[in-house]
Amino acid sequence: MGKIEEIKKKDKLIAMIIRNDYKCDGVDFVTPDEYSQQVAYMHHPAGKKIDAHVHNLVHRNVVMTQEVLFIKKGTLRVDFYDEYEDYLESRDLHSGDIILLVSGGHGFQVLEEVEMVEVKQGPYTGEQDKKRFKGIEETQIKYK
């Protein structure tokens, strides 16, 4: 079975990667309840019924954007940074992988043509949503 990889700086979680081969039975919420972006892996047998439902209006206070990327095709390198813009490490994502970017910073390099889907809290405010900074050079990349 695949696993869920965690990228951390000391005890602070920067990102979670759910690899394409991760499996479990039923529902596994891989994120803590306090995260503003919730991610669950679900595996149900044929015939399983999930009751029809609507979601109640619940006011939430979101102070930090967390985003989820679903890699549909290709290979994407993710470079991870802490909140001080210091480089930590890099990981490659492949078709079927999912990543939750929890905190800190990140940059990307497309290694093979990529198709991906991004999900994050809205509304997206363009450049007001992020602070850009100079990332690492190719010679500084380190994989764990």
C-alpha atoms as a PDB file:
ATOM      1  CA  MET A   1       0.000   0.000   0.000  1.00  0.00           C
ATOM      2  CA  GLY A   2       1.066   3.541  -0.681  1.00  0.00           C
ATOM      3  CA  LYS A   3       1.552   6.049   2.019  1.00  0.00           C
ATOM      4  CA  ILE A   4       0.961   9.623   2.929  1.00  0.00           C
ATOM      5  CA  GLU A   5       4.211  11.570   2.981  1.00  0.00           C
ATOM      6  CA  GLU A   6       4.666  14.581   5.224  1.00  0.00           C
ATOM      7  CA  ILE A   7       7.053  17.451   4.553  1.00  0.00           C
ATOM      8  CA  LYS A   8       7.963  19.165   7.811  1.00  0.00           C
ATOM      9  CA  LYS A   9      10.301  21.730   9.259  1.00  0.00           C
ATOM     10  CA  LYS A  10      10.878  20.570  12.803  1.00  0.00           C
ATOM     11  CA  ASP A  11       7.307  19.887  14.009  1.00  0.00           C
ATOM     12  CA  LYS A  12       5.586  22.253  11.558  1.00  0.00           C
ATOM     13  CA  LEU A  13       3.767  20.536   8.704  1.00  0.00           C
ATOM     14  CA  ILE A  14       4.454  22.166   5.327  1.00  0.00           C
ATOM     15  CA  ALA A  15       2.661  19.690   3.017  1.00  0.00           C
ATOM     16  CA  MET A  16       1.080  16.254   2.736  1.00  0.00           C
ATOM     17  CA  ILE A  17       1.440  14.083  -0.362  1.00  0.00           C
ATOM     18  CA  ILE A  18      -1.085  11.329  -0.989  1.00  0.00           C
ATOM     19  CA  ARG A  19       0.631   9.051  -3.478  1.00  0.00           C
ATOM     20  CA  ASN A  20      -1.336   7.449  -6.293  1.00  0.00           C
ATOM     21  CA  ASP A  21      -0.985   3.985  -4.743  1.00  0.00           C
ATOM     22  CA  TYR A  22      -2.387   5.010  -1.313  1.00  0.00           C
ATOM     23  CA  LYS A  23      -5.348   2.859  -0.304  1.00  0.00           C
ATOM     24  CA  CYS A  24      -7.653   2.379   2.653  1.00  0.00           C
ATOM     25  CA  ASP A  25     -11.155   1.062   3.239  1.00  0.00           C
ATOM     26  CA  GLY A  26     -13.990   3.454   3.961  1.00  0.00           C
ATOM     27  CA  VAL A  27     -13.254   7.098   4.630  1.00  0.00           C
ATOM     28  CA  ASP A  28      -9.915   8.425   5.882  1.00  0.00           C
ATOM     29  CA  PHE A  29      -9.796  12.159   6.631  1.00  0.00           C
ATOM     30  CA  VAL A  30      -6.065  12.703   6.331  1.00  0.00           C
ATOM     31  CA  THR A  31      -6.226  16.291   7.604  1.00  0.00           C
ATOM     32  CA  PRO A  32      -6.735  17.438  11.192  1.00  0.00           C
ATOM     33  CA  ASP A  33     -10.097  19.022  12.038  1.00  0.00           C
ATOM     34  CA  GLU A  34      -8.546  22.466  12.493  1.00  0.00           C
ATOM     35  CA  TYR A  35      -7.334  22.769   8.886  1.00  0.00           C
ATOM     36  CA  SER A  36      -9.318  25.161   6.719  1.00  0.00           C
ATOM     37  CA  GLN A  37      -8.963  22.741   3.789  1.00  0.00           C
ATOM     38  CA  GLN A  38     -10.168  19.211   4.526  1.00  0.00           C
ATOM     39  CA  VAL A  39      -8.972  16.240   2.471  1.00  0.00           C
ATOM     40  CA  ALA A  40     -10.382  12.734   2.708  1.00  0.00           C
ATOM     41  CA  TYR A  41      -9.498   9.556   0.826  1.00  0.00           C
ATOM     42  CA  MET A  42     -12.530   7.374   0.165  1.00  0.00           C
ATOM     43  CA  HIS A  43     -12.777   3.781  -0.997  1.00  0.00           C
ATOM     44  CA  HIS A  44     -16.186   2.105  -1.152  1.00  0.00           C
ATOM     45  CA  PRO A  45     -17.318  -1.156  -2.723  1.00  0.00           C
ATOM     46  CA  ALA A  46     -19.849  -1.286  -5.559  1.00  0.00           C
ATOM     47  CA  GLY A  47     -23.360  -0.920  -4.168  1.00  0.00           C
ATOM     48  CA  LYS A  48     -22.375   1.312  -1.235  1.00  0.00           C
ATOM     49  CA  LYS A  49     -25.033   3.983  -0.755  1.00  0.00           C
ATOM     50  CA  ILE A  50     -24.123   7.468   0.393  1.00  0.00           C
ATOM     51  CA  ASP A  51     -27.227   9.276   1.572  1.00  0.00           C
ATOM     52  CA  ALA A  52     -28.366  12.335  -0.371  1.00  0.00           C
ATOM     53  CA  HIS A  53     -27.619  15.485   1.573  1.00  0.00           C
ATOM     54  CA  VAL A  54     -27.160  19.245   1.491  1.00  0.00           C
ATOM     55  CA  HIS A  55     -24.570  21.160   3.451  1.00  0.00           C
ATOM     56  CA  ASN A  56     -25.695  23.547   6.166  1.00  0.00           C
ATOM     57  CA  LEU A  57     -24.650  27.183   6.125  1.00  0.00           C
ATOM     58  CA  VAL A  58     -21.713  27.347   8.519  1.00  0.00           C
ATOM     59  CA  HIS A  59     -19.640  30.495   8.957  1.00  0.00           C
ATOM     60  CA  ARG A  60     -15.931  29.790   8.903  1.00  0.00           C
ATOM     61  CA  ASN A  61     -13.015  32.106   9.489  1.00  0.00           C
ATOM     62  CA  VAL A  62     -10.221  31.325   7.024  1.00  0.00           C
ATOM     63  CA  VAL A  63      -6.972  33.177   7.717  1.00  0.00           C
ATOM     64  CA  MET A  64      -4.543  31.187   5.577  1.00  0.00           C
ATOM     65  CA  THR A  65      -4.937  29.762   2.106  1.00  0.00           C
ATOM     66  CA  GLN A  66      -4.297  26.042   1.830  1.00  0.00           C
ATOM     67  CA  GLU A  67      -4.403  24.457  -1.607  1.00  0.00           C
ATOM     68  CA  VAL A  68      -4.784  20.968  -2.995  1.00  0.00           C
ATOM     69  CA  LEU A  69      -3.305  19.883  -6.325  1.00  0.00           C
ATOM     70  CA  PHE A  70      -4.466  16.765  -8.183  1.00  0.00           C
ATOM     71  CA  ILE A  71      -1.904  15.642 -10.754  1.00  0.00           C
ATOM     72  CA  LYS A  72      -3.858  14.174 -13.675  1.00  0.00           C
ATOM     73  CA  LYS A  73      -0.921  13.756 -16.059  1.00  0.00           C
ATOM     74  CA  GLY A  74       2.830  14.345 -16.105  1.00  0.00           C
ATOM     75  CA  THR A  75       5.482  15.125 -13.519  1.00  0.00           C
ATOM     76  CA  LEU A  76       5.713  18.240 -11.364  1.00  0.00           C
ATOM     77  CA  ARG A  77       8.586  19.083  -9.012  1.00  0.00           C
ATOM     78  CA  VAL A  78       7.515  20.911  -5.875  1.00  0.00           C
ATOM     79  CA  ASP A  79      10.109  22.989  -4.017  1.00  0.00           C
ATOM     80  CA  PHE A  80       9.186  23.563  -0.372  1.00  0.00           C
ATOM     81  CA  TYR A  81      10.078  26.634   1.696  1.00  0.00           C
ATOM     82  CA  ASP A  82       9.367  27.625   5.277  1.00  0.00           C
ATOM     83  CA  GLU A  83       7.512  30.806   6.208  1.00  0.00           C
ATOM     84  CA  TYR A  84      10.836  32.718   6.117  1.00  0.00           C
ATOM     85  CA  GLU A  85      11.333  31.741   2.441  1.00  0.00           C
ATOM     86  CA  ASP A  86      14.190  29.359   3.319  1.00  0.00           C
ATOM     87  CA  TYR A  87      14.390  26.330   1.013  1.00  0.00           C
ATOM     88  CA  LEU A  88      13.717  22.960   2.668  1.00  0.00           C
ATOM     89  CA  GLU A  89      13.554  20.200   0.034  1.00  0.00           C
ATOM     90  CA  SER A  90      11.892  19.090  -3.206  1.00  0.00           C
ATOM     91  CA  ARG A  91       9.613  16.221  -4.215  1.00  0.00           C
ATOM     92  CA  ASP A  92       8.350  14.998  -7.577  1.00  0.00           C
ATOM     93  CA  LEU A  93       4.632  14.450  -8.069  1.00  0.00           C
ATOM     94  CA  HIS A  94       3.357  12.064 -10.740  1.00  0.00           C
ATOM     95  CA  SER A  95       0.020  11.211 -12.367  1.00  0.00           C
ATOM     96  CA  GLY A  96      -2.524  10.325  -9.698  1.00  0.00           C
ATOM     97  CA  ASP A  97      -0.669  12.004  -6.813  1.00  0.00           C
ATOM     98  CA  ILE A  98      -2.406  14.603  -4.640  1.00  0.00           C
ATOM     99  CA  ILE A  99      -0.735  17.246  -2.487  1.00  0.00           C
ATOM    100  CA  LEU A 100      -2.128  19.467   0.261  1.00  0.00           C
ATOM    101  CA  LEU A 101       0.014  22.575   0.691  1.00  0.00           C
ATOM    102  CA  VAL A 102      -0.520  23.386   4.369  1.00  0.00           C
ATOM    103  CA  SER A 103       1.904  26.176   5.275  1.00  0.00           C
ATOM    104  CA  GLY A 104       5.149  27.843   4.274  1.00  0.00           C
ATOM    105  CA  GLY A 105       5.956  28.538   0.632  1.00  0.00           C
ATOM    106  CA  HIS A 106       6.273  26.529  -2.540  1.00  0.00           C
ATOM    107  CA  GLY A 107       7.433  26.741  -6.121  1.00  0.00           C
ATOM    108  CA  PHE A 108       6.992  24.408  -9.058  1.00  0.00           C
ATOM    109  CA  GLN A 109       8.927  23.128 -12.054  1.00  0.00           C
ATOM    110  CA  VAL A 110       7.115  21.159 -14.747  1.00  0.00           C
ATOM    111  CA  LEU A 111       9.352  18.163 -15.534  1.00  0.00           C
ATOM    112  CA  GLU A 112       6.931  16.447 -17.939  1.00  0.00           C
ATOM    113  CA  GLU A 113       3.889  18.133 -19.481  1.00  0.00           C
ATOM    114  CA  VAL A 114       1.379  18.472 -16.652  1.00  0.00           C
ATOM    115  CA  GLU A 115      -2.371  18.530 -16.357  1.00  0.00           C
ATOM    116  CA  MET A 116      -3.543  19.250 -12.828  1.00  0.00           C
ATOM    117  CA  VAL A 117      -6.493  20.537 -10.874  1.00  0.00           C
ATOM    118  CA  GLU A 118      -6.099  23.056  -8.046  1.00  0.00           C
ATOM    119  CA  VAL A 119      -8.613  23.478  -5.225  1.00  0.00           C
ATOM    120  CA  LYS A 120      -8.350  26.227  -2.611  1.00  0.00           C
ATOM    121  CA  GLN A 121     -10.485  28.621  -0.634  1.00  0.00           C
ATOM    122  CA  GLY A 122     -11.995  31.434  -2.630  1.00  0.00           C
ATOM    123  CA  PRO A 123     -12.477  33.896  -3.870  1.00  0.00           C
ATOM    124  CA  TYR A 124      -9.054  34.079  -5.522  1.00  0.00           C
ATOM    125  CA  THR A 125      -7.784  37.672  -5.390  1.00  0.00           C
ATOM    126  CA  GLY A 126      -4.900  37.371  -7.846  1.00  0.00           C
ATOM    127  CA  GLU A 127      -1.640  39.000  -6.784  1.00  0.00           C
ATOM    128  CA  GLN A 128      -3.159  40.106  -3.460  1.00  0.00           C
ATOM    129  CA  ASP A 129      -3.347  36.424  -2.564  1.00  0.00           C
ATOM    130  CA  LYS A 130       0.405  35.776  -2.551  1.00  0.00           C
ATOM    131  CA  LYS A 131       3.872  37.200  -2.032  1.00  0.00           C
ATOM    132  CA  ARG A 132       6.389  36.147  -4.673  1.00  0.00           C
ATOM    133  CA  PHE A 133      10.066  35.594  -3.822  1.00  0.00           C
ATOM    134  CA  LYS A 134      13.195  34.286  -5.529  1.00  0.00           C
ATOM    135  CA  GLY A 135      13.340  30.508  -5.361  1.00  0.00           C
ATOM    136  CA  ILE A 136      16.312  28.181  -5.422  1.00  0.00           C
ATOM    137  CA  GLU A 137      18.599  27.444  -8.345  1.00  0.00           C
ATOM    138  CA  GLU A 138      18.595  24.003 -10.001  1.00  0.00           C
ATOM    139  CA  THR A 139      21.963  23.196  -8.377  1.00  0.00           C
ATOM    140  CA  GLN A 140      20.475  23.614  -4.888  1.00  0.00           C
ATOM    141  CA  ILE A 141      17.694  21.022  -5.231  1.00  0.00           C
ATOM    142  CA  LYS A 142      17.697  18.292  -2.600  1.00  0.00           C
ATOM    143  CA  TYR A 143      15.320  15.351  -2.490  1.00  0.00           C
ATOM    144  CA  LYS A 144      14.364  13.390   0.593  1.00  0.00           C
END
